Amino acid sequence: DMYDVQLEEWIQLPKLKMWSDRHDCILLEDSKVLIVDRYSSAEIYDVKNGRSTTISGPKFHRGFAKLAKLNGEIYKLGGDYKINAVEKFNFDKKFRVLPYKLLKGRSRFSCTTVTKNYIQSLGYKNCQ
């Protein structure tokens, strides 16, 4: 379902191809949404036409991971079973495992992005 802020009501959408109670999603360009479940399944849902397309999912099975956008790129972070793993979503609709690891593994978390200048203003001068 999707909440329509103009109508101030929930709108029922067509069913997705996959189902998971431990998924995450993130808005892409052109009213499309990337949805990734805990079993490494992924699809892109087009809000405009109500259709979804199955794509190659992440390598690791992990529920409660977080999709995050940083500098226009999308990453899948943490999650159950591989709590320090980092994968990058490429716009050729594929994920690839990165050699980086989260310093502290996480599951069931939230995240946001802030500018480097803001981090430096807090006293962290080594922020690159």
Protein backbone atom coordinates (compact mmCIF):
# COMPACT_ATOMS: atom_id res chain seq x y z
CA ASP A 1 0.00 0.00 0.00
CA MET A 2 1.02 3.60 -0.51
CA TYR A 3 -0.01 6.71 1.39
CA ASP A 4 -1.23 9.51 -0.90
CA VAL A 5 -0.38 12.78 0.84
CA GLN A 6 -2.71 14.80 -1.38
CA LEU A 7 -5.73 12.58 -0.75
CA GLU A 8 -4.62 11.88 2.84
CA GLU A 9 -5.45 8.21 2.53
CA TRP A 10 -3.88 4.83 1.89
CA ILE A 11 -4.11 3.50 -1.67
CA GLN A 12 -4.03 -0.24 -2.34
CA LEU A 13 -1.44 -1.12 -4.98
CA PRO A 14 -1.14 -4.28 -7.10
CA LYS A 15 0.61 -7.12 -5.30
CA LEU A 16 4.37 -7.42 -5.63
CA LYS A 17 5.98 -10.54 -7.04
CA MET A 18 7.83 -11.24 -3.78
CA TRP A 19 6.84 -11.10 -0.15
CA SER A 20 8.93 -10.54 2.95
CA ASP A 21 8.46 -9.20 6.43
CA ARG A 22 12.14 -8.19 6.68
CA HIS A 23 12.55 -6.08 3.56
CA ASP A 24 13.68 -2.56 2.87
CA CYS A 25 12.96 -0.19 0.01
CA ILE A 26 14.32 3.05 -1.38
CA LEU A 27 13.08 5.55 -3.94
CA LEU A 28 14.89 5.51 -7.27
CA GLU A 29 14.43 7.92 -10.18
CA ASP A 30 11.22 8.35 -12.17
CA SER A 31 8.82 7.15 -9.43
CA LYS A 32 10.44 3.74 -9.14
CA VAL A 33 11.13 1.93 -5.88
CA LEU A 34 13.84 -0.67 -5.25
CA ILE A 35 12.62 -3.38 -2.85
CA VAL A 36 14.96 -6.01 -1.39
CA ASP A 37 13.80 -8.86 0.82
CA ARG A 38 15.62 -11.04 3.32
CA TYR A 39 16.14 -13.91 0.87
CA SER A 40 18.21 -11.91 -1.63
CA SER A 41 15.24 -11.30 -3.91
CA ALA A 42 14.85 -7.86 -5.40
CA GLU A 43 12.45 -6.03 -7.64
CA ILE A 44 11.84 -2.56 -8.95
CA TYR A 45 8.31 -1.31 -8.60
CA ASP A 46 7.11 1.41 -10.97
CA VAL A 47 4.59 3.54 -9.10
CA LYS A 48 3.33 5.19 -12.30
CA ASN A 49 2.22 2.01 -14.07
CA GLY A 50 1.84 -0.38 -11.11
CA ARG A 51 4.24 -2.97 -12.52
CA SER A 52 7.21 -4.61 -10.89
CA THR A 53 10.30 -6.14 -12.47
CA THR A 54 12.35 -8.84 -10.79
CA ILE A 55 16.08 -8.13 -10.81
CA SER A 56 19.19 -9.89 -9.57
CA GLY A 57 19.29 -9.50 -5.79
CA PRO A 58 22.09 -9.06 -3.30
CA LYS A 59 24.55 -11.91 -2.72
CA PHE A 60 23.83 -12.32 1.00
CA HIS A 61 20.57 -13.40 2.62
CA ARG A 62 19.90 -10.91 5.41
CA GLY A 63 16.77 -9.48 6.85
CA PHE A 64 16.53 -6.11 8.54
CA ALA A 65 19.33 -4.67 6.38
CA LYS A 66 19.14 -1.03 5.34
CA LEU A 67 19.18 0.46 1.85
CA ALA A 68 20.87 3.86 1.91
CA LYS A 69 21.55 6.47 -0.76
CA LEU A 70 24.87 8.31 -0.61
CA ASN A 71 26.05 10.67 -3.35
CA GLY A 72 23.41 9.26 -5.69
CA GLU A 73 24.55 5.65 -5.16
CA ILE A 74 22.62 2.97 -3.29
CA TYR A 75 24.10 0.61 -0.72
CA LYS A 76 22.72 -2.32 1.26
CA LEU A 77 24.14 -2.24 4.78
CA GLY A 78 24.21 -4.75 7.61
CA GLY A 79 21.28 -6.98 8.47
CA ASP A 80 20.87 -10.37 10.13
CA TYR A 81 23.56 -13.01 9.46
CA LYS A 82 25.94 -10.59 7.66
CA ILE A 83 25.70 -7.63 9.97
CA ASN A 84 28.84 -5.85 8.77
CA ALA A 85 28.46 -6.50 5.01
CA VAL A 86 28.19 -3.72 2.43
CA GLU A 87 26.83 -4.21 -1.09
CA LYS A 88 26.35 -1.58 -3.79
CA PHE A 89 23.41 -1.46 -6.16
CA ASN A 90 24.52 -0.59 -9.67
CA PHE A 91 22.08 1.00 -12.02
CA ASP A 92 22.58 -1.92 -14.40
CA LYS A 93 20.24 -3.51 -11.81
CA LYS A 94 22.86 -5.66 -10.09
CA PHE A 95 24.36 -5.71 -6.61
CA ARG A 96 28.05 -6.24 -5.96
CA VAL A 97 29.81 -6.98 -2.70
CA LEU A 98 32.25 -4.27 -1.65
CA PRO A 99 35.52 -4.92 0.16
CA TYR A 100 34.38 -2.54 2.92
CA LYS A 101 32.79 -3.60 6.18
CA LEU A 102 30.76 -1.63 8.70
CA LEU A 103 32.98 -0.83 11.67
CA LYS A 104 30.21 -2.04 13.94
CA GLY A 105 27.82 -4.63 12.52
CA ARG A 106 24.16 -3.65 12.61
CA SER A 107 20.72 -5.14 12.22
CA ARG A 108 17.30 -3.50 12.67
CA PHE A 109 18.58 0.05 12.35
CA SER A 110 17.92 3.28 10.54
CA CYS A 111 20.29 5.71 8.88
CA THR A 112 20.44 9.11 7.28
CA THR A 113 23.05 11.05 5.35
CA VAL A 114 24.68 14.33 6.33
CA THR A 115 27.37 16.42 4.67
CA LYS A 116 31.08 16.12 5.41
CA ASN A 117 31.07 19.77 6.50
CA TYR A 118 28.45 19.02 9.14
CA ILE A 119 30.46 16.09 10.50
CA GLN A 120 33.58 18.27 10.62
CA SER A 121 31.64 21.01 12.43
CA LEU A 122 31.06 18.49 15.23
CA GLY A 123 34.80 18.23 15.74
CA TYR A 124 35.61 15.20 13.60
CA LYS A 125 38.47 16.70 11.59
CA ASN A 126 39.61 13.46 9.93
CA CYS A 127 36.34 13.02 8.03
CA GLN A 128 37.13 12.45 4.35
